[in-house]
Amino acid sequence: MQIVVFGTRSRYTGSHSDFSNITKTLEKVARHTDTRHLVTALYLLPGQNQNRGTAYVRHWYSRKNFTTQRGKWNFTAKWPDPDDLPDRFKLIRMRLDSHPSLYPKIELDTYGWRFTYETFHDHLATLFAHELHHYRRYHLGLHPGEGEQSANRWALEQVQKAGFRVMAEKQPARQKKRRINWKKKFPFLDPYLNYRHLKPGDQLIIAHDPRKQYGGQTVEVIRPIRTNSKRMVVRTRDGKTWRWPMNWLLLKNKS
């Protein structure tokens, strides 16, 4: 496995996250995985809410697509490509804010897991293990049919076995609040309830017409009204179609 680290120098110098320690962390996680075809690029940048990882492992990559100028990884184009990249490889990209003041850290990931990391290296190991699961699935043929939830479970098991101080648990799924149909629950709140059963061909009376052209005429319903509609599509005797306000209409059998 080839490891490349980019970022602000202050973000990865010092005992907490220097290059040699980063290498040891990643190699420790991957010690039981064949990573001969893997390049791992780590970007240490400020922005604790922008931590992320992506595994590009379904197709072969080359120098021409090691970086990108599009999307959420467009910042990768700020650095030149490493000179010693292999002709083809599978790629894992990770972005982390490694500043020591951020740890211990609690993070809720995209998939509903609540992680607790004691140090930056605990965080790095877990994120890498998650992406490594995808590499193992698509490149090595392991973990068939497993997705993001399985990747989290596998990553947690691997880093804990390796001695990293990580705790995690899947959070209960939030139940969606059911929308109350107030008009159905309290029909007396709907002033047009008696109009909502009408079908095409039923008849109504125009009770009000500001232009004084159709007042008192009988009109034909063209189509049923929508749930929240306040207008009715009707046809007048002259063949014209209108979206008439329902508060200007009367049921045929009512005066």
Protein backbone atom coordinates (compact mmCIF):
# COMPACT_ATOMS: atom_id res chain seq x y z
CA MET A 1 0.00 0.00 0.00
CA GLN A 2 1.22 3.45 -0.93
CA ILE A 3 0.32 6.20 1.54
CA VAL A 4 0.34 9.89 0.62
CA VAL A 5 -0.37 12.67 3.14
CA PHE A 6 -1.31 16.21 2.18
CA GLY A 7 -2.33 19.29 4.13
CA THR A 8 -1.30 22.14 6.33
CA ARG A 9 2.05 21.26 7.91
CA SER A 10 0.82 22.14 11.43
CA ARG A 11 -1.97 19.62 10.98
CA TYR A 12 0.32 16.58 10.77
CA THR A 13 3.63 17.43 12.44
CA GLY A 14 4.25 16.54 16.03
CA SER A 15 3.85 13.31 17.97
CA HIS A 16 0.08 13.13 17.63
CA SER A 17 -0.06 12.68 13.88
CA ASP A 18 3.31 12.75 12.13
CA PHE A 19 3.76 10.79 8.92
CA SER A 20 5.44 7.76 10.50
CA ASN A 21 2.62 7.37 13.04
CA ILE A 22 0.01 7.74 10.31
CA THR A 23 1.71 5.00 8.32
CA LYS A 24 1.81 2.71 11.35
CA THR A 25 -1.89 3.28 12.03
CA LEU A 26 -2.99 2.50 8.49
CA GLU A 27 -0.73 -0.52 8.14
CA LYS A 28 -1.94 -1.88 11.46
CA VAL A 29 -5.54 -1.76 10.30
CA ALA A 30 -4.68 -3.34 6.92
CA ARG A 31 -2.31 -6.02 8.19
CA HIS A 32 -4.62 -8.90 7.19
CA THR A 33 -5.60 -7.41 3.81
CA ASP A 34 -3.80 -7.62 0.48
CA THR A 35 -3.22 -3.95 -0.28
CA ARG A 36 -0.68 -4.31 -3.11
CA HIS A 37 -2.94 -2.39 -5.48
CA LEU A 38 -4.09 0.28 -3.02
CA VAL A 39 -3.11 3.95 -2.83
CA THR A 40 -4.36 5.79 0.26
CA ALA A 41 -4.44 9.59 0.13
CA LEU A 42 -4.98 11.43 3.41
CA TYR A 43 -5.75 15.15 3.49
CA LEU A 44 -5.28 16.83 6.87
CA LEU A 45 -7.21 20.07 6.68
CA PRO A 46 -9.10 22.32 9.10
CA GLY A 47 -12.84 21.76 9.18
CA GLN A 48 -14.00 19.18 11.70
CA ASN A 49 -17.45 19.03 10.09
CA GLN A 50 -15.94 18.05 6.74
CA ASN A 51 -14.38 14.76 7.78
CA ARG A 52 -15.09 12.13 5.13
CA GLY A 53 -13.75 9.14 3.25
CA THR A 54 -14.38 7.63 -0.17
CA ALA A 55 -13.20 4.37 -1.74
CA TYR A 56 -12.69 4.32 -5.51
CA VAL A 57 -12.40 0.59 -5.89
CA ARG A 58 -14.80 -0.61 -8.58
CA HIS A 59 -12.50 0.47 -11.43
CA TRP A 60 -8.79 0.95 -11.95
CA TYR A 61 -7.42 4.46 -11.48
CA SER A 62 -4.35 6.16 -12.89
CA ARG A 63 -2.41 9.40 -12.44
CA LYS A 64 -4.89 11.32 -14.60
CA ASN A 65 -7.71 10.81 -12.10
CA PHE A 66 -5.77 10.76 -8.85
CA THR A 67 -7.05 14.29 -8.19
CA THR A 68 -10.25 15.97 -9.29
CA GLN A 69 -11.47 19.50 -9.87
CA ARG A 70 -15.13 18.68 -9.28
CA GLY A 71 -17.38 18.07 -6.31
CA LYS A 72 -16.50 17.79 -2.65
CA TRP A 73 -12.97 16.55 -3.40
CA ASN A 74 -12.03 19.43 -5.73
CA PHE A 75 -9.48 20.68 -3.18
CA THR A 76 -7.27 17.70 -4.09
CA ALA A 77 -6.18 19.57 -7.23
CA LYS A 78 -4.26 22.06 -5.06
CA TRP A 79 -1.39 19.58 -4.69
CA PRO A 80 0.71 18.00 -7.44
CA ASP A 81 0.38 14.29 -8.05
CA PRO A 82 3.01 12.12 -6.36
CA ASP A 83 5.81 11.18 -8.76
CA ASP A 84 5.83 7.51 -7.83
CA LEU A 85 2.20 6.55 -8.41
CA PRO A 86 1.76 3.10 -9.97
CA ASP A 87 0.40 2.76 -13.50
CA ARG A 88 -2.94 1.60 -12.15
CA PHE A 89 -4.34 1.35 -8.66
CA LYS A 90 -7.41 1.39 -6.42
CA LEU A 91 -7.80 4.58 -4.38
CA ILE A 92 -9.03 5.51 -0.92
CA ARG A 93 -9.34 9.22 -0.16
CA MET A 94 -9.80 10.54 3.38
CA ARG A 95 -10.14 14.02 4.79
CA LEU A 96 -9.69 14.68 8.52
CA ASP A 97 -9.05 17.57 10.87
CA SER A 98 -6.34 16.18 13.13
CA HIS A 99 -5.94 19.11 15.50
CA PRO A 100 -5.32 17.70 19.03
CA SER A 101 -7.85 20.06 20.63
CA LEU A 102 -10.67 18.19 18.86
CA TYR A 103 -10.04 14.95 20.76
CA PRO A 104 -11.56 13.07 22.52
CA LYS A 105 -14.31 13.40 19.94
CA ILE A 106 -17.90 12.23 19.52
CA GLU A 107 -19.22 12.04 15.96
CA LEU A 108 -22.53 10.95 14.45
CA ASP A 109 -21.91 9.58 10.97
CA THR A 110 -24.12 9.59 7.87
CA TYR A 111 -25.37 6.08 8.57
CA GLY A 112 -26.73 6.73 12.05
CA TRP A 113 -23.77 5.51 14.14
CA ARG A 114 -22.47 7.41 17.14
CA PHE A 115 -18.67 7.05 17.38
CA THR A 116 -16.40 8.08 20.24
CA TYR A 117 -12.66 8.51 19.49
CA GLU A 118 -10.04 9.07 22.16
CA THR A 119 -7.39 10.34 19.73
CA PHE A 120 -6.92 11.35 16.12
CA HIS A 121 -5.37 7.96 15.37
CA ASP A 122 -8.46 6.17 16.69
CA HIS A 123 -10.54 8.27 14.29
CA LEU A 124 -8.16 7.70 11.38
CA ALA A 125 -8.08 3.95 11.95
CA THR A 126 -11.88 3.69 12.01
CA LEU A 127 -12.45 5.79 8.91
CA PHE A 128 -9.79 3.87 7.01
CA ALA A 129 -11.18 0.51 8.15
CA HIS A 130 -14.63 1.49 6.84
CA GLU A 131 -13.24 2.37 3.40
CA LEU A 132 -10.98 -0.71 3.46
CA HIS A 133 -14.11 -2.86 3.81
CA HIS A 134 -15.30 -1.49 0.43
CA TYR A 135 -11.86 -2.21 -1.06
CA ARG A 136 -12.00 -5.76 0.22
CA ARG A 137 -15.52 -6.24 -1.13
CA TYR A 138 -15.08 -4.86 -4.64
CA HIS A 139 -11.39 -5.58 -5.32
CA LEU A 140 -10.73 -8.75 -3.32
CA GLY A 141 -14.20 -10.31 -3.57
CA LEU A 142 -14.73 -10.41 0.19
CA HIS A 143 -17.87 -9.36 2.11
CA PRO A 144 -20.25 -10.08 -0.81
CA GLY A 145 -23.44 -8.07 -0.74
CA GLU A 146 -22.46 -6.06 2.33
CA GLY A 147 -23.00 -2.30 2.46
CA GLU A 148 -22.39 0.71 4.68
CA GLN A 149 -23.87 -0.73 7.88
CA SER A 150 -21.74 -3.86 7.55
CA ALA A 151 -18.70 -1.72 6.80
CA ASN A 152 -19.23 0.14 10.08
CA ARG A 153 -19.61 -3.08 12.07
CA TRP A 154 -16.53 -4.64 10.49
CA ALA A 155 -14.48 -1.47 10.96
CA LEU A 156 -15.40 -1.24 14.64
CA GLU A 157 -14.47 -4.88 15.23
CA GLN A 158 -11.11 -4.52 13.45
CA VAL A 159 -9.96 -1.36 15.19
CA GLN A 160 -10.98 -2.63 18.62
CA LYS A 161 -9.07 -5.86 18.00
CA ALA A 162 -6.06 -3.77 16.98
CA GLY A 163 -6.16 -1.90 20.29
CA PHE A 164 -7.58 1.43 19.17
CA ARG A 165 -9.81 3.21 21.66
CA VAL A 166 -13.06 3.47 19.77
CA MET A 167 -16.63 3.04 20.95
CA ALA A 168 -19.67 3.05 18.70
CA GLU A 169 -23.32 2.14 18.59
CA LYS A 170 -26.07 2.29 16.01
CA GLN A 171 -28.60 4.90 16.99
CA PRO A 172 -32.32 4.00 16.90
CA ALA A 173 -33.96 5.03 13.67
CA ARG A 174 -36.04 8.14 14.00
CA GLN A 175 -39.69 7.50 13.47
CA LYS A 176 -41.26 9.80 10.94
CA LYS A 177 -44.07 11.85 12.35
CA ARG A 178 -47.33 10.92 10.77
CA ARG A 179 -49.08 13.85 9.19
CA ILE A 180 -52.56 14.33 10.53
CA ASN A 181 -55.28 14.79 7.98
CA TRP A 182 -57.12 17.47 9.90
CA LYS A 183 -59.93 17.66 7.37
CA LYS A 184 -60.59 13.95 7.77
CA LYS A 185 -60.18 14.00 11.54
CA PHE A 186 -62.28 17.12 11.99
CA PRO A 187 -64.48 17.39 8.89
CA PHE A 188 -66.32 20.40 10.27
CA LEU A 189 -63.10 22.38 9.68
CA ASP A 190 -63.46 21.93 5.91
CA PRO A 191 -66.01 24.43 4.57
CA TYR A 192 -66.09 22.62 1.21
CA LEU A 193 -66.55 19.06 2.49
CA ASN A 194 -69.90 18.67 0.72
CA TYR A 195 -68.28 19.53 -2.62
CA ARG A 196 -65.51 16.94 -2.44
CA HIS A 197 -67.71 13.97 -3.40
CA LEU A 198 -68.82 15.58 -6.69
CA LYS A 199 -68.05 13.77 -9.94
CA PRO A 200 -67.81 14.94 -13.56
CA GLY A 201 -71.31 15.70 -14.86
CA ASP A 202 -72.75 16.80 -11.51
CA GLN A 203 -74.32 20.23 -11.46
CA LEU A 204 -73.82 23.36 -9.38
CA ILE A 205 -75.31 26.83 -9.32
CA ILE A 206 -73.24 29.98 -9.62
CA ALA A 207 -74.24 32.03 -6.60
CA HIS A 208 -71.85 34.90 -7.28
CA ASP A 209 -70.22 36.33 -10.39
CA PRO A 210 -68.40 39.68 -10.06
CA ARG A 211 -68.90 40.26 -13.79
CA LYS A 212 -72.65 39.58 -13.46
CA GLN A 213 -72.59 37.30 -16.49
CA TYR A 214 -73.27 33.83 -15.10
CA GLY A 215 -75.01 34.56 -11.79
CA GLY A 216 -77.78 32.06 -11.07
CA GLN A 217 -76.85 29.75 -13.96
CA THR A 218 -76.43 25.99 -13.62
CA VAL A 219 -72.94 24.75 -14.48
CA GLU A 220 -71.47 21.29 -14.99
CA VAL A 221 -68.59 19.84 -12.96
CA ILE A 222 -65.68 18.91 -15.26
CA ARG A 223 -63.47 16.99 -12.85
CA PRO A 224 -63.30 16.20 -9.11
CA ILE A 225 -61.46 18.72 -6.97
CA ARG A 226 -58.10 18.08 -5.37
CA THR A 227 -57.81 17.57 -1.64
CA ASN A 228 -56.82 21.11 -0.70
CA SER A 229 -58.38 22.92 -3.64
CA LYS A 230 -60.66 25.90 -3.10
CA ARG A 231 -61.81 26.06 -6.73
CA MET A 232 -63.95 23.79 -8.90
CA VAL A 233 -63.43 23.25 -12.63
CA VAL A 234 -66.83 23.86 -14.23
CA ARG A 235 -68.32 24.42 -17.70
CA THR A 236 -70.87 27.18 -18.28
CA ARG A 237 -73.71 26.98 -20.78
CA ASP A 238 -71.68 28.79 -23.44
CA GLY A 239 -69.13 25.95 -23.40
CA LYS A 240 -66.41 27.83 -21.56
CA THR A 241 -64.41 26.17 -18.80
CA TRP A 242 -63.60 27.97 -15.55
CA ARG A 243 -61.86 27.34 -12.25
CA TRP A 244 -64.62 28.83 -10.13
CA PRO A 245 -64.12 29.62 -6.41
CA MET A 246 -66.19 27.17 -4.40
CA ASN A 247 -67.40 29.86 -2.04
CA TRP A 248 -69.17 31.37 -5.07
CA LEU A 249 -70.99 28.10 -5.86
CA LEU A 250 -74.03 26.28 -4.45
CA LEU A 251 -75.00 22.64 -4.62
CA LYS A 252 -77.85 22.14 -7.08
CA ASN A 253 -80.21 20.79 -4.43
CA LYS A 254 -79.58 23.70 -2.07
CA SER A 255 -80.82 27.23 -2.20
